[in-house]
N, C-alpha and C. Protein backbone atom coordinates (compact mmCIF):
# COMPACT_ATOMS: atom_id res chain seq x y z
N MET A 1 106.97 93.60 75.23
CA MET A 1 106.83 93.19 76.62
C MET A 1 107.75 94.02 77.51
N ARG A 2 108.96 94.30 77.07
CA ARG A 2 109.90 95.09 77.86
C ARG A 2 109.35 96.49 78.12
N ALA A 3 108.71 97.09 77.13
CA ALA A 3 108.15 98.43 77.32
C ALA A 3 107.03 98.41 78.35
N ALA A 4 106.18 97.40 78.30
CA ALA A 4 105.09 97.28 79.27
C ALA A 4 105.67 97.09 80.68
N HIS A 5 106.68 96.26 80.79
CA HIS A 5 107.32 96.03 82.09
C HIS A 5 107.89 97.34 82.63
N LEU A 6 108.58 98.07 81.80
CA LEU A 6 109.18 99.34 82.21
C LEU A 6 108.10 100.33 82.64
N LEU A 7 107.07 100.49 81.83
CA LEU A 7 106.00 101.45 82.12
C LEU A 7 105.27 101.10 83.42
N VAL A 8 104.87 99.86 83.57
CA VAL A 8 104.12 99.46 84.77
C VAL A 8 105.00 99.57 86.01
N THR A 9 106.25 99.17 85.90
CA THR A 9 107.13 99.21 87.06
C THR A 9 107.44 100.65 87.47
N VAL A 10 107.68 101.52 86.52
CA VAL A 10 107.92 102.93 86.85
C VAL A 10 106.68 103.53 87.51
N LEU A 11 105.50 103.21 87.00
CA LEU A 11 104.27 103.70 87.62
C LEU A 11 104.13 103.16 89.05
N THR A 12 104.47 101.90 89.25
CA THR A 12 104.41 101.30 90.58
C THR A 12 105.40 101.98 91.53
N ILE A 13 106.58 102.28 91.03
CA ILE A 13 107.57 102.99 91.84
C ILE A 13 107.05 104.36 92.25
N VAL A 14 106.52 105.10 91.31
CA VAL A 14 106.06 106.47 91.57
C VAL A 14 104.92 106.49 92.58
N VAL A 15 103.92 105.62 92.41
CA VAL A 15 102.78 105.67 93.32
C VAL A 15 103.17 105.18 94.72
N ASN A 16 104.06 104.19 94.80
CA ASN A 16 104.48 103.73 96.12
C ASN A 16 105.37 104.74 96.82
N ALA A 17 106.24 105.40 96.08
CA ALA A 17 107.05 106.46 96.68
C ALA A 17 106.15 107.59 97.16
N GLY A 18 105.15 107.92 96.37
CA GLY A 18 104.24 109.00 96.74
C GLY A 18 103.44 108.69 98.00
N ILE A 19 102.92 107.48 98.11
CA ILE A 19 102.13 107.14 99.29
C ILE A 19 103.04 106.96 100.50
N ALA A 20 104.28 106.55 100.28
CA ALA A 20 105.23 106.47 101.40
C ALA A 20 105.49 107.87 101.97
N VAL A 21 105.66 108.84 101.10
CA VAL A 21 105.84 110.23 101.55
C VAL A 21 104.62 110.69 102.33
N ALA A 22 103.42 110.35 101.85
CA ALA A 22 102.19 110.72 102.57
C ALA A 22 102.15 110.06 103.94
N ASP A 23 102.60 108.81 104.03
CA ASP A 23 102.67 108.13 105.33
C ASP A 23 103.63 108.85 106.27
N PHE A 24 104.82 109.16 105.78
CA PHE A 24 105.83 109.84 106.61
C PHE A 24 105.34 111.22 107.05
N ALA A 25 104.62 111.90 106.17
CA ALA A 25 104.13 113.24 106.47
C ALA A 25 102.85 113.20 107.32
N ARG A 26 102.35 112.01 107.55
CA ARG A 26 101.10 111.84 108.31
C ARG A 26 99.99 112.69 107.71
N ALA A 27 99.84 112.55 106.39
CA ALA A 27 98.82 113.31 105.68
C ALA A 27 97.44 113.03 106.28
N ARG A 28 96.59 114.00 106.23
CA ARG A 28 95.27 113.91 106.85
C ARG A 28 94.50 112.68 106.33
N PHE A 29 94.53 112.45 105.01
CA PHE A 29 93.79 111.32 104.46
C PHE A 29 94.38 109.99 104.92
N VAL A 30 95.68 109.94 105.13
CA VAL A 30 96.33 108.72 105.63
C VAL A 30 95.89 108.45 107.07
N LEU A 31 95.91 109.48 107.89
CA LEU A 31 95.47 109.33 109.29
C LEU A 31 94.01 108.91 109.37
N ALA A 32 93.17 109.51 108.54
CA ALA A 32 91.74 109.16 108.56
C ALA A 32 91.53 107.72 108.12
N ASN A 33 92.21 107.33 107.06
CA ASN A 33 92.04 105.96 106.55
C ASN A 33 92.56 104.94 107.55
N SER A 34 93.71 105.20 108.14
CA SER A 34 94.27 104.24 109.09
C SER A 34 93.37 104.11 110.31
N ALA A 35 92.81 105.21 110.77
CA ALA A 35 91.89 105.16 111.91
C ALA A 35 90.64 104.36 111.57
N GLU A 36 90.16 104.55 110.36
CA GLU A 36 88.94 103.87 109.93
C GLU A 36 89.11 102.35 109.87
N VAL A 37 90.30 101.89 109.49
CA VAL A 37 90.52 100.44 109.39
C VAL A 37 91.19 99.86 110.63
N GLY A 38 91.46 100.70 111.63
CA GLY A 38 91.99 100.21 112.89
C GLY A 38 93.50 100.05 112.96
N VAL A 39 94.21 100.79 112.11
CA VAL A 39 95.68 100.76 112.14
C VAL A 39 96.15 101.93 113.01
N PRO A 40 96.92 101.64 114.06
CA PRO A 40 97.39 102.72 114.94
C PRO A 40 98.31 103.69 114.19
N PRO A 41 98.20 104.98 114.46
CA PRO A 41 99.04 105.97 113.80
C PRO A 41 100.54 105.72 114.00
N GLY A 42 100.90 105.09 115.10
CA GLY A 42 102.31 104.80 115.35
C GLY A 42 102.93 103.84 114.35
N LEU A 43 102.08 103.12 113.61
CA LEU A 43 102.60 102.19 112.59
C LEU A 43 102.88 102.87 111.25
N LEU A 44 102.43 104.10 111.09
CA LEU A 44 102.60 104.77 109.79
C LEU A 44 104.05 104.87 109.33
N PRO A 45 105.01 105.20 110.19
CA PRO A 45 106.39 105.23 109.71
C PRO A 45 106.87 103.87 109.19
N LEU A 46 106.49 102.80 109.87
CA LEU A 46 106.86 101.46 109.41
C LEU A 46 106.21 101.15 108.07
N LEU A 47 104.92 101.44 107.95
CA LEU A 47 104.22 101.18 106.69
C LEU A 47 104.82 102.00 105.56
N GLY A 48 105.15 103.26 105.84
CA GLY A 48 105.79 104.10 104.84
C GLY A 48 107.16 103.56 104.44
N ALA A 49 107.91 103.07 105.43
CA ALA A 49 109.23 102.51 105.13
C ALA A 49 109.12 101.27 104.26
N LEU A 50 108.11 100.43 104.50
CA LEU A 50 107.92 99.23 103.68
C LEU A 50 107.57 99.61 102.24
N LYS A 51 106.72 100.60 102.07
CA LYS A 51 106.37 101.05 100.72
C LYS A 51 107.58 101.68 100.02
N ALA A 52 108.33 102.48 100.76
CA ALA A 52 109.54 103.11 100.18
C ALA A 52 110.57 102.05 99.81
N ALA A 53 110.73 101.04 100.65
CA ALA A 53 111.67 99.96 100.35
C ALA A 53 111.22 99.20 99.11
N GLY A 54 109.93 99.00 98.98
CA GLY A 54 109.42 98.33 97.78
C GLY A 54 109.71 99.14 96.53
N ALA A 55 109.48 100.45 96.60
CA ALA A 55 109.76 101.32 95.45
C ALA A 55 111.25 101.31 95.12
N ALA A 56 112.10 101.39 96.13
CA ALA A 56 113.55 101.38 95.91
C ALA A 56 114.00 100.04 95.32
N GLY A 57 113.43 98.96 95.81
CA GLY A 57 113.78 97.64 95.28
C GLY A 57 113.36 97.48 93.83
N LEU A 58 112.19 98.00 93.48
CA LEU A 58 111.76 97.96 92.08
C LEU A 58 112.71 98.76 91.20
N LEU A 59 113.14 99.91 91.70
CA LEU A 59 114.10 100.72 90.94
C LEU A 59 115.42 99.97 90.75
N LEU A 60 115.89 99.32 91.79
CA LEU A 60 117.11 98.52 91.66
C LEU A 60 116.92 97.41 90.62
N GLY A 61 115.73 96.82 90.61
CA GLY A 61 115.44 95.80 89.61
C GLY A 61 115.56 96.34 88.20
N LEU A 62 115.05 97.54 87.97
CA LEU A 62 115.15 98.15 86.64
C LEU A 62 116.58 98.54 86.30
N LEU A 63 117.37 98.82 87.34
CA LEU A 63 118.76 99.25 87.10
C LEU A 63 119.74 98.08 86.99
N GLY A 64 119.22 96.86 86.97
CA GLY A 64 120.10 95.73 86.70
C GLY A 64 120.24 94.70 87.79
N VAL A 65 119.45 94.79 88.84
CA VAL A 65 119.49 93.78 89.90
C VAL A 65 118.10 93.12 89.95
N PRO A 66 117.82 92.27 88.95
CA PRO A 66 116.45 91.76 88.80
C PRO A 66 115.94 90.96 90.00
N LEU A 67 116.81 90.27 90.69
CA LEU A 67 116.36 89.49 91.84
C LEU A 67 115.80 90.40 92.94
N ILE A 68 116.45 91.54 93.16
CA ILE A 68 115.96 92.51 94.13
C ILE A 68 114.62 93.08 93.66
N GLY A 69 114.50 93.38 92.39
CA GLY A 69 113.25 93.89 91.85
C GLY A 69 112.11 92.90 92.01
N ASP A 70 112.39 91.64 91.74
CA ASP A 70 111.36 90.60 91.90
C ASP A 70 110.96 90.46 93.36
N ALA A 71 111.94 90.48 94.26
CA ALA A 71 111.64 90.38 95.69
C ALA A 71 110.83 91.58 96.17
N ALA A 72 111.17 92.77 95.67
CA ALA A 72 110.44 93.98 96.06
C ALA A 72 109.00 93.91 95.55
N ALA A 73 108.83 93.47 94.32
CA ALA A 73 107.47 93.35 93.77
C ALA A 73 106.66 92.33 94.57
N ALA A 74 107.28 91.21 94.90
CA ALA A 74 106.58 90.19 95.69
C ALA A 74 106.23 90.73 97.07
N GLY A 75 107.13 91.48 97.67
CA GLY A 75 106.86 92.09 98.96
C GLY A 75 105.69 93.07 98.89
N LEU A 76 105.64 93.86 97.83
CA LEU A 76 104.53 94.80 97.67
C LEU A 76 103.21 94.07 97.44
N VAL A 77 103.25 92.96 96.70
CA VAL A 77 102.04 92.16 96.51
C VAL A 77 101.51 91.69 97.86
N LEU A 78 102.40 91.16 98.68
CA LEU A 78 101.99 90.69 100.00
C LEU A 78 101.49 91.84 100.87
N PHE A 79 102.20 92.95 100.83
CA PHE A 79 101.81 94.12 101.63
C PHE A 79 100.39 94.57 101.27
N PHE A 80 100.13 94.74 99.97
CA PHE A 80 98.84 95.27 99.58
C PHE A 80 97.73 94.22 99.64
N ALA A 81 98.07 92.95 99.55
CA ALA A 81 97.07 91.91 99.82
C ALA A 81 96.64 92.02 101.28
N GLY A 82 97.60 92.27 102.16
CA GLY A 82 97.28 92.50 103.56
C GLY A 82 96.44 93.75 103.75
N ALA A 83 96.74 94.81 103.01
CA ALA A 83 95.96 96.05 103.13
C ALA A 83 94.51 95.83 102.69
N VAL A 84 94.34 95.09 101.61
CA VAL A 84 92.98 94.76 101.16
C VAL A 84 92.27 93.94 102.24
N ALA A 85 92.96 92.97 102.81
CA ALA A 85 92.36 92.14 103.86
C ALA A 85 91.97 92.98 105.08
N VAL A 86 92.81 93.93 105.45
CA VAL A 86 92.50 94.80 106.59
C VAL A 86 91.24 95.62 106.30
N HIS A 87 91.12 96.13 105.08
CA HIS A 87 89.92 96.89 104.71
C HIS A 87 88.67 96.00 104.78
N VAL A 88 88.79 94.79 104.27
CA VAL A 88 87.64 93.88 104.26
C VAL A 88 87.27 93.50 105.70
N ARG A 89 88.28 93.18 106.51
CA ARG A 89 88.03 92.81 107.91
C ARG A 89 87.32 93.94 108.65
N ALA A 90 87.73 95.17 108.37
CA ALA A 90 87.12 96.33 109.03
C ALA A 90 85.81 96.76 108.36
N ARG A 91 85.46 96.08 107.28
CA ARG A 91 84.25 96.41 106.51
C ARG A 91 84.28 97.87 106.00
N VAL A 92 85.44 98.28 105.57
CA VAL A 92 85.61 99.61 104.98
C VAL A 92 85.78 99.41 103.48
N PHE A 93 84.67 99.55 102.77
CA PHE A 93 84.67 99.24 101.34
C PHE A 93 84.66 100.48 100.46
N HIS A 94 84.35 101.64 101.02
CA HIS A 94 84.20 102.84 100.18
C HIS A 94 85.51 103.27 99.54
N ASN A 95 86.64 102.89 100.12
CA ASN A 95 87.92 103.27 99.51
C ASN A 95 88.81 102.04 99.27
N LEU A 96 88.20 100.89 99.14
CA LEU A 96 88.93 99.65 98.88
C LEU A 96 89.66 99.68 97.54
N ALA A 97 89.18 100.52 96.63
CA ALA A 97 89.81 100.61 95.31
C ALA A 97 91.27 101.05 95.39
N PHE A 98 91.62 101.83 96.39
CA PHE A 98 93.00 102.32 96.48
C PHE A 98 93.99 101.20 96.80
N PRO A 99 93.83 100.46 97.90
CA PRO A 99 94.78 99.36 98.11
C PRO A 99 94.67 98.30 97.02
N ALA A 100 93.48 98.13 96.45
CA ALA A 100 93.32 97.15 95.36
C ALA A 100 94.11 97.59 94.12
N ALA A 101 94.11 98.88 93.83
CA ALA A 101 94.88 99.38 92.69
C ALA A 101 96.38 99.21 92.92
N TYR A 102 96.83 99.50 94.13
CA TYR A 102 98.25 99.29 94.45
C TYR A 102 98.60 97.80 94.32
N LEU A 103 97.71 96.94 94.78
CA LEU A 103 97.92 95.49 94.67
C LEU A 103 97.99 95.09 93.20
N LEU A 104 97.12 95.61 92.39
CA LEU A 104 97.12 95.30 90.96
C LEU A 104 98.42 95.74 90.30
N LEU A 105 98.88 96.95 90.62
CA LEU A 105 100.15 97.43 90.05
C LEU A 105 101.33 96.56 90.48
N ALA A 106 101.39 96.22 91.76
CA ALA A 106 102.49 95.38 92.24
C ALA A 106 102.44 94.01 91.59
N THR A 107 101.25 93.45 91.44
CA THR A 107 101.10 92.14 90.80
C THR A 107 101.51 92.21 89.34
N ALA A 108 101.11 93.27 88.67
CA ALA A 108 101.50 93.43 87.26
C ALA A 108 103.01 93.59 87.13
N SER A 109 103.62 94.36 88.03
CA SER A 109 105.08 94.53 88.00
C SER A 109 105.78 93.20 88.19
N LEU A 110 105.32 92.42 89.16
CA LEU A 110 105.93 91.12 89.41
C LEU A 110 105.73 90.18 88.22
N THR A 111 104.54 90.11 87.70
CA THR A 111 104.25 89.22 86.58
C THR A 111 105.07 89.58 85.36
N LEU A 112 105.11 90.87 85.03
CA LEU A 112 105.88 91.30 83.86
C LEU A 112 107.37 91.08 84.05
N SER A 113 107.85 91.27 85.26
CA SER A 113 109.27 91.03 85.53
C SER A 113 109.63 89.56 85.37
N LEU A 114 108.77 88.69 85.91
CA LEU A 114 109.06 87.26 85.84
C LEU A 114 108.92 86.68 84.44
N THR A 115 108.13 87.34 83.61
CA THR A 115 107.92 86.82 82.25
C THR A 115 108.71 87.58 81.19
N ALA A 116 109.41 88.65 81.59
CA ALA A 116 110.19 89.43 80.63
C ALA A 116 111.41 88.65 80.17
N PRO A 117 111.71 88.74 78.89
CA PRO A 117 112.94 88.06 78.42
C PRO A 117 114.18 88.70 79.05
N ALA A 118 115.16 87.90 79.30
CA ALA A 118 116.38 88.38 79.95
C ALA A 118 117.23 89.22 79.03
């Protein structure tokens, strides 16, 4: 169980850090997706900061501050549940798999963290 927790959480950290960088860099695909679902481009730095904070919190959890890791995972679950809801509200289904995958990873990280032996 510890190995699964470590693997899933490291993967969650990497993908969230990566998409945060894309948000900060205002990558073309990020701008297109945000426009399609009705998110103003001015919110991208905030969204990137939330993803980066989640990744950093997960890392702190792995480094020995489990409460911070659990809070970060829970925050990412809420964030990506909101992202899925925004896609559904905007009826943008062709790329719904991306926020859904991030939601799945965050949920798995949280679940494995909460059920991992101390």
